[in-house]
PDB file of N, CA and C in Angstrom:
ATOM      1  N   MET A   1      55.778 -10.885 130.585  1.00  0.00           N
ATOM      2  CA  MET A   1      56.236 -10.675 129.226  1.00  0.00           C
ATOM      3  C   MET A   1      55.233  -9.760 128.509  1.00  0.00           C
ATOM      4  N   GLU A   2      55.769  -8.810 127.790  1.00  0.00           N
ATOM      5  CA  GLU A   2      54.935  -7.833 127.087  1.00  0.00           C
ATOM      6  C   GLU A   2      54.742  -8.266 125.639  1.00  0.00           C
ATOM      7  N   GLU A   3      53.510  -8.289 125.186  1.00  0.00           N
ATOM      8  CA  GLU A   3      53.221  -8.684 123.810  1.00  0.00           C
ATOM      9  C   GLU A   3      53.192  -7.454 122.911  1.00  0.00           C
ATOM     10  N   GLU A   4      53.738  -7.622 121.724  1.00  0.00           N
ATOM     11  CA  GLU A   4      53.697  -6.541 120.742  1.00  0.00           C
ATOM     12  C   GLU A   4      52.332  -6.526 120.078  1.00  0.00           C
ATOM     13  N   VAL A   5      51.832  -5.341 119.858  1.00  0.00           N
ATOM     14  CA  VAL A   5      50.567  -5.206 119.154  1.00  0.00           C
ATOM     15  C   VAL A   5      50.865  -5.219 117.658  1.00  0.00           C
ATOM     16  N   VAL A   6      50.274  -6.172 116.970  1.00  0.00           N
ATOM     17  CA  VAL A   6      50.466  -6.280 115.524  1.00  0.00           C
ATOM     18  C   VAL A   6      49.279  -5.623 114.851  1.00  0.00           C
ATOM     19  N   ARG A   7      49.576  -4.558 114.139  1.00  0.00           N
ATOM     20  CA  ARG A   7      48.521  -3.845 113.416  1.00  0.00           C
ATOM     21  C   ARG A   7      48.578  -4.236 111.944  1.00  0.00           C
ATOM     22  N   PRO A   8      47.444  -4.449 111.350  1.00  0.00           N
ATOM     23  CA  PRO A   8      47.451  -4.780 109.925  1.00  0.00           C
ATOM     24  C   PRO A   8      48.012  -3.623 109.109  1.00  0.00           C
ATOM     25  N   LYS A   9      48.750  -3.968 108.064  1.00  0.00           N
ATOM     26  CA  LYS A   9      49.326  -2.946 107.201  1.00  0.00           C
ATOM     27  C   LYS A   9      48.207  -2.193 106.487  1.00  0.00           C
ATOM     28  N   LYS A  10      48.281  -0.879 106.538  1.00  0.00           N
ATOM     29  CA  LYS A  10      47.274  -0.053 105.882  1.00  0.00           C
ATOM     30  C   LYS A  10      47.471  -0.124 104.368  1.00  0.00           C
ATOM     31  N   LYS A  11      46.385  -0.386 103.680  1.00  0.00           N
ATOM     32  CA  LYS A  11      46.457  -0.427 102.226  1.00  0.00           C
ATOM     33  C   LYS A  11      46.623   0.997 101.713  1.00  0.00           C
ATOM     34  N   THR A  12      47.467   1.139 100.704  1.00  0.00           N
ATOM     35  CA  THR A  12      47.642   2.468 100.136  1.00  0.00           C
ATOM     36  C   THR A  12      46.542   2.794  99.139  1.00  0.00           C
ATOM     37  N   HIS A  13      45.976   1.742  98.554  1.00  0.00           N
ATOM     38  CA  HIS A  13      44.916   1.990  97.587  1.00  0.00           C
ATOM     39  C   HIS A  13      44.117   0.710  97.395  1.00  0.00           C
ATOM     40  N   GLU A  14      42.835   0.868  97.262  1.00  0.00           N
ATOM     41  CA  GLU A  14      41.970  -0.264  96.959  1.00  0.00           C
ATOM     42  C   GLU A  14      41.221   0.071  95.676  1.00  0.00           C
ATOM     43  N   ILE A  15      41.308  -0.809  94.716  1.00  0.00           N
ATOM     44  CA  ILE A  15      40.662  -0.596  93.423  1.00  0.00           C
ATOM     45  C   ILE A  15      39.167  -0.353  93.632  1.00  0.00           C
ATOM     46  N   GLY A  16      38.654   0.712  93.031  1.00  0.00           N
ATOM     47  CA  GLY A  16      37.231   1.013  93.069  1.00  0.00           C
ATOM     48  C   GLY A  16      36.757   1.801  94.276  1.00  0.00           C
ATOM     49  N   GLU A  17      37.665   2.124  95.197  1.00  0.00           N
ATOM     50  CA  GLU A  17      37.213   2.844  96.390  1.00  0.00           C
ATOM     51  C   GLU A  17      36.845   4.287  96.059  1.00  0.00           C
ATOM     52  N   ASP A  18      36.053   4.894  96.916  1.00  0.00           N
ATOM     53  CA  ASP A  18      35.624   6.279  96.746  1.00  0.00           C
ATOM     54  C   ASP A  18      36.815   7.207  96.951  1.00  0.00           C
ATOM     55  N   LEU A  19      37.110   8.009  95.955  1.00  0.00           N
ATOM     56  CA  LEU A  19      38.264   8.909  96.019  1.00  0.00           C
ATOM     57  C   LEU A  19      37.870  10.347  96.331  1.00  0.00           C
ATOM     58  N   SER A  20      36.601  10.607  96.468  1.00  0.00           N
ATOM     59  CA  SER A  20      36.121  11.982  96.609  1.00  0.00           C
ATOM     60  C   SER A  20      36.584  12.669  97.892  1.00  0.00           C
ATOM     61  N   LEU A  21      36.918  11.909  98.920  1.00  0.00           N
ATOM     62  CA  LEU A  21      37.330  12.522 100.185  1.00  0.00           C
ATOM     63  C   LEU A  21      38.838  12.709 100.306  1.00  0.00           C
ATOM     64  N   LEU A  22      39.582  12.298  99.285  1.00  0.00           N
ATOM     65  CA  LEU A  22      41.038  12.410  99.328  1.00  0.00           C
ATOM     66  C   LEU A  22      41.499  13.750  98.777  1.00  0.00           C
ATOM     67  N   SER A  23      42.585  14.248  99.349  1.00  0.00           N
ATOM     68  CA  SER A  23      43.162  15.508  98.859  1.00  0.00           C
ATOM     69  C   SER A  23      43.959  15.244  97.586  1.00  0.00           C
ATOM     70  N   VAL A  24      44.328  16.306  96.911  1.00  0.00           N
ATOM     71  CA  VAL A  24      45.145  16.188  95.701  1.00  0.00           C
ATOM     72  C   VAL A  24      46.471  15.533  96.062  1.00  0.00           C
ATOM     73  N   GLU A  25      47.058  15.918  97.184  1.00  0.00           N
ATOM     74  CA  GLU A  25      48.342  15.340  97.605  1.00  0.00           C
ATOM     75  C   GLU A  25      48.208  13.837  97.872  1.00  0.00           C
ATOM     76  N   GLU A  26      47.132  13.432  98.515  1.00  0.00           N
ATOM     77  CA  GLU A  26      46.909  12.009  98.766  1.00  0.00           C
ATOM     78  C   GLU A  26      46.733  11.237  97.461  1.00  0.00           C
ATOM     79  N   LEU A  27      46.038  11.839  96.529  1.00  0.00           N
ATOM     80  CA  LEU A  27      45.857  11.204  95.226  1.00  0.00           C
ATOM     81  C   LEU A  27      47.190  11.062  94.499  1.00  0.00           C
ATOM     82  N   LYS A  28      48.018  12.091  94.560  1.00  0.00           N
ATOM     83  CA  LYS A  28      49.348  12.029  93.929  1.00  0.00           C
ATOM     84  C   LYS A  28      50.206  10.943  94.574  1.00  0.00           C
ATOM     85  N   GLU A  29      50.119  10.793  95.888  1.00  0.00           N
ATOM     86  CA  GLU A  29      50.871   9.747  96.581  1.00  0.00           C
ATOM     87  C   GLU A  29      50.425   8.363  96.118  1.00  0.00           C
ATOM     88  N   ARG A  30      49.134   8.210  95.943  1.00  0.00           N
ATOM     89  CA  ARG A  30      48.608   6.920  95.484  1.00  0.00           C
ATOM     90  C   ARG A  30      49.056   6.632  94.056  1.00  0.00           C
ATOM     91  N   VAL A  31      49.043   7.655  93.213  1.00  0.00           N
ATOM     92  CA  VAL A  31      49.495   7.470  91.828  1.00  0.00           C
ATOM     93  C   VAL A  31      50.960   7.037  91.819  1.00  0.00           C
ATOM     94  N   ALA A  32      51.787   7.685  92.643  1.00  0.00           N
ATOM     95  CA  ALA A  32      53.203   7.326  92.712  1.00  0.00           C
ATOM     96  C   ALA A  32      53.372   5.883  93.194  1.00  0.00           C
ATOM     97  N   ALA A  33      52.599   5.489  94.188  1.00  0.00           N
ATOM     98  CA  ALA A  33      52.682   4.121  94.701  1.00  0.00           C
ATOM     99  C   ALA A  33      52.263   3.114  93.638  1.00  0.00           C
ATOM    100  N   LEU A  34      51.226   3.450  92.887  1.00  0.00           N
ATOM    101  CA  LEU A  34      50.765   2.548  91.828  1.00  0.00           C
ATOM    102  C   LEU A  34      51.786   2.457  90.692  1.00  0.00           C
ATOM    103  N   HIS A  35      52.417   3.566  90.346  1.00  0.00           N
ATOM    104  CA  HIS A  35      53.477   3.528  89.318  1.00  0.00           C
ATOM    105  C   HIS A  35      54.625   2.630  89.780  1.00  0.00           C
ATOM    106  N   ALA A  36      55.003   2.742  91.042  1.00  0.00           N
ATOM    107  CA  ALA A  36      56.074   1.902  91.581  1.00  0.00           C
ATOM    108  C   ALA A  36      55.678   0.427  91.544  1.00  0.00           C
ATOM    109  N   GLU A  37      54.446   0.136  91.856  1.00  0.00           N
ATOM    110  CA  GLU A  37      53.976  -1.252  91.832  1.00  0.00           C
ATOM    111  C   GLU A  37      53.939  -1.788  90.407  1.00  0.00           C
ATOM    112  N   ILE A  38      53.544  -0.964  89.454  1.00  0.00           N
ATOM    113  CA  ILE A  38      53.545  -1.379  88.045  1.00  0.00           C
ATOM    114  C   ILE A  38      54.969  -1.695  87.603  1.00  0.00           C
ATOM    115  N   ALA A  39      55.922  -0.861  87.977  1.00  0.00           N
ATOM    116  CA  ALA A  39      57.325  -1.107  87.618  1.00  0.00           C
ATOM    117  C   ALA A  39      57.815  -2.418  88.231  1.00  0.00           C
ATOM    118  N   ARG A  40      57.420  -2.694  89.465  1.00  0.00           N
ATOM    119  CA  ARG A  40      57.813  -3.931  90.134  1.00  0.00           C
ATOM    120  C   ARG A  40      57.217  -5.140  89.416  1.00  0.00           C
ATOM    121  N   LEU A  41      55.958  -5.044  89.022  1.00  0.00           N
ATOM    122  CA  LEU A  41      55.306  -6.128  88.292  1.00  0.00           C
ATOM    123  C   LEU A  41      55.963  -6.364  86.932  1.00  0.00           C
ATOM    124  N   GLU A  42      56.273  -5.283  86.228  1.00  0.00           N
ATOM    125  CA  GLU A  42      56.905  -5.415  84.918  1.00  0.00           C
ATOM    126  C   GLU A  42      58.299  -6.027  85.034  1.00  0.00           C
ATOM    127  N   ALA A  43      59.043  -5.673  86.071  1.00  0.00           N
ATOM    128  CA  ALA A  43      60.368  -6.255  86.292  1.00  0.00           C
ATOM    129  C   ALA A  43      60.253  -7.757  86.563  1.00  0.00           C
ATOM    130  N   THR A  44      59.255  -8.147  87.303  1.00  0.00           N
ATOM    131  CA  THR A  44      59.037  -9.565  87.591  1.00  0.00           C
ATOM    132  C   THR A  44      58.667 -10.318  86.319  1.00  0.00           C
ATOM    133  N   ILE A  45      57.845  -9.713  85.488  1.00  0.00           N
ATOM    134  CA  ILE A  45      57.483 -10.328  84.202  1.00  0.00           C
ATOM    135  C   ILE A  45      58.729 -10.537  83.355  1.00  0.00           C
ATOM    136  N   ARG A  46      59.578  -9.496  83.255  1.00  0.00           N
ATOM    137  CA  ARG A  46      60.810  -9.608  82.454  1.00  0.00           C
ATOM    138  C   ARG A  46      61.703 -10.720  82.984  1.00  0.00           C
ATOM    139  N   ALA A  47      61.844 -10.796  84.300  1.00  0.00           N
ATOM    140  CA  ALA A  47      62.691 -11.833  84.899  1.00  0.00           C
ATOM    141  C   ALA A  47      62.147 -13.221  84.592  1.00  0.00           C
ATOM    142  N   LYS A  48      60.843 -13.390  84.678  1.00  0.00           N
ATOM    143  CA  LYS A  48      60.236 -14.687  84.389  1.00  0.00           C
ATOM    144  C   LYS A  48      60.371 -15.042  82.907  1.00  0.00           C
ATOM    145  N   GLN A  49      60.242 -14.050  82.044  1.00  0.00           N
ATOM    146  CA  GLN A  49      60.387 -14.308  80.616  1.00  0.00           C
ATOM    147  C   GLN A  49      61.829 -14.709  80.293  1.00  0.00           C
ATOM    148  N   THR A  50      62.791 -14.065  80.936  1.00  0.00           N
ATOM    149  CA  THR A  50      64.193 -14.392  80.726  1.00  0.00           C
ATOM    150  C   THR A  50      64.479 -15.820  81.169  1.00  0.00           C
ATOM    151  N   THR A  51      63.942 -16.187  82.324  1.00  0.00           N
ATOM    152  CA  THR A  51      64.115 -17.551  82.829  1.00  0.00           C
ATOM    153  C   THR A  51      63.479 -18.559  81.885  1.00  0.00           C
ATOM    154  N   ARG A  52      62.299 -18.246  81.413  1.00  0.00           N
ATOM    155  CA  ARG A  52      61.594 -19.150  80.498  1.00  0.00           C
ATOM    156  C   ARG A  52      62.362 -19.307  79.194  1.00  0.00           C
ATOM    157  N   THR A  53      62.882 -18.208  78.659  1.00  0.00           N
ATOM    158  CA  THR A  53      63.648 -18.261  77.417  1.00  0.00           C
ATOM    159  C   THR A  53      64.898 -19.104  77.596  1.00  0.00           C
ATOM    160  N   ALA A  54      65.589 -18.926  78.717  1.00  0.00           N
ATOM    161  CA  ALA A  54      66.805 -19.727  78.983  1.00  0.00           C
ATOM    162  C   ALA A  54      66.455 -21.207  79.083  1.00  0.00           C
ATOM    163  N   ALA A  55      65.362 -21.531  79.734  1.00  0.00           N
ATOM    164  CA  ALA A  55      64.946 -22.935  79.854  1.00  0.00           C
ATOM    165  C   ALA A  55      64.579 -23.504  78.490  1.00  0.00           C
ATOM    166  N   ASP A  56      63.851 -22.736  77.701  1.00  0.00           N
ATOM    167  CA  ASP A  56      63.472 -23.189  76.364  1.00  0.00           C
ATOM    168  C   ASP A  56      64.727 -23.441  75.517  1.00  0.00           C
ATOM    169  N   ASP A  57      65.683 -22.514  75.577  1.00  0.00           N
ATOM    170  CA  ASP A  57      66.923 -22.661  74.812  1.00  0.00           C
ATOM    171  C   ASP A  57      67.699 -23.900  75.261  1.00  0.00           C
ATOM    172  N   PHE A  58      67.747 -24.149  76.548  1.00  0.00           N
ATOM    173  CA  PHE A  58      68.473 -25.284  77.089  1.00  0.00           C
ATOM    174  C   PHE A  58      67.860 -26.607  76.613  1.00  0.00           C
ATOM    175  N   PHE A  59      66.561 -26.712  76.663  1.00  0.00           N
ATOM    176  CA  PHE A  59      65.908 -27.966  76.323  1.00  0.00           C
ATOM    177  C   PHE A  59      65.733 -28.178  74.819  1.00  0.00           C
ATOM    178  N   ARG A  60      65.996 -27.180  74.013  1.00  0.00           N
ATOM    179  CA  ARG A  60      65.927 -27.320  72.557  1.00  0.00           C
ATOM    180  C   ARG A  60      67.205 -27.973  72.019  1.00  0.00           C
ATOM    181  N   ARG A  61      68.266 -27.953  72.802  1.00  0.00           N
ATOM    182  CA  ARG A  61      69.547 -28.484  72.316  1.00  0.00           C
ATOM    183  C   ARG A  61      69.500 -29.949  72.092  1.00  0.00           C
TER     184      ARG A  61
END
């Protein structure tokens, strides 16, 4: 039986890392990835706030 090699997922960005060796294109890719992650986080916050508001409204009755 052949085992699959599991490689750890490469991080796209680590806060505080040295950016001096990255190209402009690599930096732009990281910025785009971070913008996408911010949008994902904000969507999750909105969803949680909506759930919380619905629960608060339900239990106030």
